[in-house]
Amino acid sequence: MFIGQYRYNLDEKGRLVIPQEYRKQLGNELIINKGIEKCITIYKISDWERLVEKITDLPFNQKDNRLFNRYFLANAYQKELDNQGRINIDSDLIKHSEITKECVIIGAGNVIEIWSKEKWDAIDANRSSQLDEISENLKL
């Protein structure tokens, strides 16, 4: 399980250090993808395989299923961590997430999300009021 948040900078070559706590769980190989809500997502290979199985089991005769399958899977890349615990983030993912340099890397259960500092700060500013409201509707 990935939890917590970390702040790192994207270097001039598009590389980002993955926090050591996350590297221990990820292993050397991972999947990186365009996330929903303009973030970048990172998955352990085993979690990615389970997710892909669910996606590809959706009925292909429904247009939304086909579109989601295409969009989601076409924007995924298998990566390896380098010796310094960094991954190279493709330019289309950087553009999608609107990251310029400063990033916030958060653990969200079985996925890691990478946000631009500006986008994450805007989300975090509303967290308290939204969390109270959302928690009222959850059936935990």
Protein backbone atom coordinates (compact mmCIF):
# COMPACT_ATOMS: atom_id res chain seq x y z
CA MET A 1 0.00 0.00 0.00
CA PHE A 2 1.31 3.42 -0.95
CA ILE A 3 0.64 6.27 1.49
CA GLY A 4 2.03 9.72 2.24
CA GLN A 5 3.23 12.57 0.08
CA TYR A 6 6.65 13.72 -1.05
CA ARG A 7 7.90 16.76 -2.93
CA TYR A 8 10.56 16.37 -5.60
CA ASN A 9 11.71 18.23 -8.69
CA LEU A 10 11.68 16.93 -12.23
CA ASP A 11 15.19 17.34 -13.63
CA GLU A 12 16.04 18.89 -17.00
CA LYS A 13 16.06 15.44 -18.66
CA GLY A 14 12.54 14.57 -17.45
CA ARG A 15 13.71 12.28 -14.66
CA LEU A 16 12.02 12.06 -11.28
CA VAL A 17 13.25 10.40 -8.10
CA ILE A 18 10.74 7.92 -6.70
CA PRO A 19 10.69 7.96 -2.87
CA GLN A 20 12.60 5.09 -1.31
CA GLU A 21 9.52 3.89 0.58
CA TYR A 22 7.71 3.44 -2.73
CA ARG A 23 10.70 1.87 -4.50
CA LYS A 24 10.76 -0.93 -1.93
CA GLN A 25 7.20 -1.89 -2.89
CA LEU A 26 7.47 -1.29 -6.64
CA GLY A 27 10.52 -3.38 -7.37
CA ASN A 28 12.67 -2.40 -10.34
CA GLU A 29 9.94 -2.37 -13.01
CA LEU A 30 6.73 -0.37 -13.03
CA ILE A 31 3.99 0.96 -15.27
CA ILE A 32 3.53 4.71 -15.68
CA ASN A 33 0.40 6.15 -17.27
CA LYS A 34 -1.67 9.27 -17.82
CA GLY A 35 -3.91 9.53 -14.80
CA ILE A 36 -7.41 10.83 -14.56
CA GLU A 37 -7.63 14.47 -13.39
CA LYS A 38 -4.35 15.52 -15.01
CA CYS A 39 -1.93 13.54 -12.89
CA ILE A 40 0.50 10.75 -13.74
CA THR A 41 -0.05 7.32 -12.20
CA ILE A 42 2.45 4.60 -11.34
CA TYR A 43 1.49 0.97 -10.76
CA LYS A 44 3.30 -2.12 -9.56
CA ILE A 45 3.41 -4.62 -12.41
CA SER A 46 1.14 -7.09 -10.54
CA ASP A 47 -1.48 -4.40 -9.80
CA TRP A 48 -1.34 -3.20 -13.41
CA GLU A 49 -1.92 -6.73 -14.72
CA ARG A 50 -5.02 -7.12 -12.51
CA LEU A 51 -6.34 -3.74 -13.67
CA VAL A 52 -5.75 -4.53 -17.35
CA GLU A 53 -7.57 -7.84 -16.92
CA LYS A 54 -10.61 -6.01 -15.54
CA ILE A 55 -10.52 -3.42 -18.33
CA THR A 56 -10.16 -5.96 -21.11
CA ASP A 57 -12.99 -8.07 -19.65
CA LEU A 58 -15.44 -5.21 -20.21
CA PRO A 59 -17.85 -5.91 -23.10
CA PHE A 60 -16.12 -4.67 -26.27
CA ASN A 61 -19.43 -4.01 -28.01
CA GLN A 62 -20.00 -0.94 -25.83
CA LYS A 63 -18.37 2.17 -27.24
CA ASP A 64 -17.37 3.67 -23.86
CA ASN A 65 -15.55 0.47 -22.96
CA ARG A 66 -13.58 0.50 -26.23
CA LEU A 67 -12.74 4.19 -25.89
CA PHE A 68 -11.61 3.83 -22.29
CA ASN A 69 -9.56 0.75 -23.15
CA ARG A 70 -7.81 2.57 -26.02
CA TYR A 71 -7.14 5.77 -24.15
CA PHE A 72 -6.01 4.15 -20.93
CA LEU A 73 -3.79 1.44 -22.35
CA ALA A 74 -2.28 3.48 -25.21
CA ASN A 75 -0.84 5.95 -22.72
CA ALA A 76 0.92 3.42 -20.50
CA TYR A 77 4.65 2.75 -20.52
CA GLN A 78 6.70 0.06 -18.82
CA LYS A 79 9.71 1.61 -17.09
CA GLU A 80 12.68 0.59 -14.99
CA LEU A 81 14.15 2.55 -12.14
CA ASP A 82 17.73 3.63 -12.71
CA ASN A 83 20.50 3.12 -10.13
CA GLN A 84 19.53 6.36 -8.38
CA GLY A 85 15.84 5.41 -8.05
CA ARG A 86 14.67 7.67 -10.88
CA ILE A 87 12.34 7.14 -13.79
CA ASN A 88 12.34 9.01 -17.05
CA ILE A 89 8.91 10.52 -17.63
CA ASP A 90 7.88 10.79 -21.29
CA SER A 91 7.16 14.27 -22.59
CA ASP A 92 3.50 13.45 -23.38
CA LEU A 93 2.95 12.52 -19.72
CA ILE A 94 4.65 15.71 -18.55
CA LYS A 95 2.49 17.75 -20.90
CA HIS A 96 -0.69 15.93 -19.77
CA SER A 97 0.03 16.60 -16.10
CA GLU A 98 1.22 20.17 -16.69
CA ILE A 99 4.31 19.58 -14.57
CA THR A 100 6.97 22.21 -15.07
CA LYS A 101 9.47 21.27 -12.36
CA GLU A 102 8.04 20.87 -8.87
CA CYS A 103 6.06 17.68 -8.25
CA VAL A 104 4.10 16.16 -5.42
CA ILE A 105 4.19 12.37 -5.33
CA ILE A 106 1.37 10.84 -3.32
CA GLY A 107 0.48 7.34 -2.26
CA ALA A 108 -3.14 6.48 -3.02
CA GLY A 109 -3.48 2.87 -1.93
CA ASN A 110 -2.35 0.60 -4.76
CA VAL A 111 -1.33 3.47 -7.03
CA ILE A 112 1.16 6.34 -6.88
CA GLU A 113 0.06 9.68 -8.29
CA ILE A 114 2.39 12.43 -9.49
CA TRP A 115 0.91 15.94 -9.51
CA SER A 116 2.23 19.32 -10.47
CA LYS A 117 2.84 21.29 -7.29
CA GLU A 118 0.27 23.89 -8.34
CA LYS A 119 -2.48 21.36 -9.02
CA TRP A 120 -1.82 19.45 -5.81
CA ASP A 121 -1.76 22.62 -3.70
CA ALA A 122 -5.16 23.60 -5.16
CA ILE A 123 -6.58 20.16 -4.33
CA ASP A 124 -5.05 20.18 -0.87
CA ALA A 125 -6.47 23.64 -0.12
CA ASN A 126 -10.00 22.23 -0.40
CA ARG A 127 -9.26 18.94 1.30
CA SER A 128 -10.72 19.64 4.73
CA SER A 129 -14.12 20.85 3.59
CA GLN A 130 -14.40 18.26 0.82
CA LEU A 131 -13.25 15.39 3.04
CA ASP A 132 -15.94 16.20 5.61
CA GLU A 133 -18.60 16.31 2.91
CA ILE A 134 -17.44 13.20 1.05
CA SER A 135 -17.04 11.15 4.24
CA GLU A 136 -20.72 11.70 5.06
CA ASN A 137 -21.69 9.72 1.94
CA LEU A 138 -19.23 6.84 2.29
CA LYS A 139 -20.38 3.56 3.68
CA LEU A 140 -17.21 2.27 5.30
